[in-house]
Amino acid sequence: MKKGVHPENYRPVAFKDMSNEDVFITRSTINAKESIDIDGVTYPLVKIEISNTSHPFYTGKSKLVDTAGRVDKFMNRYGNRNKK
């Protein structure tokens, strides 16, 4: 394996699924601006929109997650093309 290719700054980071408030901790090199206390330990916090605990493939539930209004914007722009 080549030397100096992989980052050296792996550390525990908390990821928070904003759709269901689930938090999990894993090792990562991502930069985080926020932090969270879990069981008396402070971890860098990264907020994500969807994870395996909220994704329809893993949960078996069909749920539309649209935090930025992208579906409405698409439908306004392209949705009524066949209706003239």
C-alpha atoms as a PDB file:
ATOM      1  CA  MET A   1       0.000   0.000   0.000  1.00  0.00           C
ATOM      2  CA  LYS A   2       1.231   3.503  -0.757  1.00  0.00           C
ATOM      3  CA  LYS A   3       2.388   5.632   2.155  1.00  0.00           C
ATOM      4  CA  GLY A   4       0.686   8.975   2.805  1.00  0.00           C
ATOM      5  CA  VAL A   5      -2.478   8.180   0.816  1.00  0.00           C
ATOM      6  CA  HIS A   6      -4.904   7.613   3.686  1.00  0.00           C
ATOM      7  CA  PRO A   7      -5.759  10.342   6.221  1.00  0.00           C
ATOM      8  CA  GLU A   8      -4.382   9.995   9.723  1.00  0.00           C
ATOM      9  CA  ASN A   9      -7.007  12.035  11.617  1.00  0.00           C
ATOM     10  CA  TYR A  10      -9.756   9.415  12.129  1.00  0.00           C
ATOM     11  CA  ARG A  11     -11.745  10.098  15.282  1.00  0.00           C
ATOM     12  CA  PRO A  12     -15.212   9.234  16.690  1.00  0.00           C
ATOM     13  CA  VAL A  13     -17.912  11.500  15.194  1.00  0.00           C
ATOM     14  CA  ALA A  14     -21.646  11.621  15.981  1.00  0.00           C
ATOM     15  CA  PHE A  15     -24.037  11.674  13.019  1.00  0.00           C
ATOM     16  CA  LYS A  16     -27.632  12.825  13.666  1.00  0.00           C
ATOM     17  CA  ASP A  17     -30.492  11.886  11.336  1.00  0.00           C
ATOM     18  CA  MET A  18     -32.671  15.011  11.314  1.00  0.00           C
ATOM     19  CA  SER A  19     -35.803  13.211  10.105  1.00  0.00           C
ATOM     20  CA  ASN A  20     -36.118  10.951  13.176  1.00  0.00           C
ATOM     21  CA  GLU A  21     -33.512  12.372  15.626  1.00  0.00           C
ATOM     22  CA  ASP A  22     -31.496   9.124  15.646  1.00  0.00           C
ATOM     23  CA  VAL A  23     -27.814   9.561  16.602  1.00  0.00           C
ATOM     24  CA  PHE A  24     -25.020   7.108  15.840  1.00  0.00           C
ATOM     25  CA  ILE A  25     -21.281   7.312  16.402  1.00  0.00           C
ATOM     26  CA  THR A  26     -18.664   6.138  13.930  1.00  0.00           C
ATOM     27  CA  ARG A  27     -15.087   7.006  13.035  1.00  0.00           C
ATOM     28  CA  SER A  28     -14.641   9.698  10.396  1.00  0.00           C
ATOM     29  CA  THR A  29     -12.342  12.472   9.188  1.00  0.00           C
ATOM     30  CA  ILE A  30     -15.177  14.911   8.377  1.00  0.00           C
ATOM     31  CA  ASN A  31     -14.940  18.457   9.740  1.00  0.00           C
ATOM     32  CA  ALA A  32     -17.821  19.429  12.025  1.00  0.00           C
ATOM     33  CA  LYS A  33     -18.869  22.849  13.277  1.00  0.00           C
ATOM     34  CA  GLU A  34     -21.133  21.614  16.078  1.00  0.00           C
ATOM     35  CA  SER A  35     -20.671  19.191  18.948  1.00  0.00           C
ATOM     36  CA  ILE A  36     -22.916  16.985  21.095  1.00  0.00           C
ATOM     37  CA  ASP A  37     -22.558  15.394  24.544  1.00  0.00           C
ATOM     38  CA  ILE A  38     -23.406  11.690  24.695  1.00  0.00           C
ATOM     39  CA  ASP A  39     -22.922   9.880  28.003  1.00  0.00           C
ATOM     40  CA  GLY A  40     -20.565  12.587  29.253  1.00  0.00           C
ATOM     41  CA  VAL A  41     -18.330  12.511  26.160  1.00  0.00           C
ATOM     42  CA  THR A  42     -18.264  15.375  23.655  1.00  0.00           C
ATOM     43  CA  TYR A  43     -18.281  14.365  19.981  1.00  0.00           C
ATOM     44  CA  PRO A  44     -18.202  16.474  16.802  1.00  0.00           C
ATOM     45  CA  LEU A  45     -21.748  16.509  15.347  1.00  0.00           C
ATOM     46  CA  VAL A  46     -22.690  16.133  11.674  1.00  0.00           C
ATOM     47  CA  LYS A  47     -26.373  16.543  10.776  1.00  0.00           C
ATOM     48  CA  ILE A  48     -27.692  14.391   7.914  1.00  0.00           C
ATOM     49  CA  GLU A  49     -31.114  14.322   6.247  1.00  0.00           C
ATOM     50  CA  ILE A  50     -31.496  10.564   5.858  1.00  0.00           C
ATOM     51  CA  SER A  51     -29.814   7.442   7.227  1.00  0.00           C
ATOM     52  CA  ASN A  52     -30.484   3.719   7.417  1.00  0.00           C
ATOM     53  CA  THR A  53     -32.982   4.323  10.254  1.00  0.00           C
ATOM     54  CA  SER A  54     -35.193   6.563   8.083  1.00  0.00           C
ATOM     55  CA  HIS A  55     -34.532   5.406   4.501  1.00  0.00           C
ATOM     56  CA  PRO A  56     -37.539   3.599   2.950  1.00  0.00           C
ATOM     57  CA  PHE A  57     -35.357   0.745   1.644  1.00  0.00           C
ATOM     58  CA  TYR A  58     -34.273  -0.214   5.159  1.00  0.00           C
ATOM     59  CA  THR A  59     -37.490   0.606   7.034  1.00  0.00           C
ATOM     60  CA  GLY A  60     -39.971  -0.819   4.515  1.00  0.00           C
ATOM     61  CA  LYS A  61     -42.100   2.307   4.843  1.00  0.00           C
ATOM     62  CA  SER A  62     -42.681   4.651   1.941  1.00  0.00           C
ATOM     63  CA  LYS A  63     -42.057   8.175   3.163  1.00  0.00           C
ATOM     64  CA  LEU A  64     -41.444  11.312   1.127  1.00  0.00           C
ATOM     65  CA  VAL A  65     -38.643  13.415   2.583  1.00  0.00           C
ATOM     66  CA  ASP A  66     -38.529  16.805   0.905  1.00  0.00           C
ATOM     67  CA  THR A  67     -36.820  19.401   3.037  1.00  0.00           C
ATOM     68  CA  ALA A  68     -36.019  21.893   0.296  1.00  0.00           C
ATOM     69  CA  GLY A  69     -39.283  21.868  -1.703  1.00  0.00           C
ATOM     70  CA  ARG A  70     -37.577  20.180  -4.652  1.00  0.00           C
ATOM     71  CA  VAL A  71     -40.590  18.047  -5.578  1.00  0.00           C
ATOM     72  CA  ASP A  72     -42.937  21.057  -5.655  1.00  0.00           C
ATOM     73  CA  LYS A  73     -40.438  23.056  -7.673  1.00  0.00           C
ATOM     74  CA  PHE A  74     -40.132  20.210 -10.190  1.00  0.00           C
ATOM     75  CA  MET A  75     -43.904  19.782 -10.462  1.00  0.00           C
ATOM     76  CA  ASN A  76     -44.397  23.520 -11.001  1.00  0.00           C
ATOM     77  CA  ARG A  77     -41.765  23.550 -13.690  1.00  0.00           C
ATOM     78  CA  TYR A  78     -42.350  20.269 -15.529  1.00  0.00           C
ATOM     79  CA  GLY A  79     -45.409  18.570 -14.041  1.00  0.00           C
ATOM     80  CA  ASN A  80     -48.132  19.919 -16.334  1.00  0.00           C
ATOM     81  CA  ARG A  81     -46.427  19.520 -19.707  1.00  0.00           C
ATOM     82  CA  ASN A  82     -49.007  17.077 -21.106  1.00  0.00           C
ATOM     83  CA  LYS A  83     -52.016  19.159 -20.022  1.00  0.00           C
ATOM     84  CA  LYS A  84     -52.610  21.841 -22.656  1.00  0.00           C
END
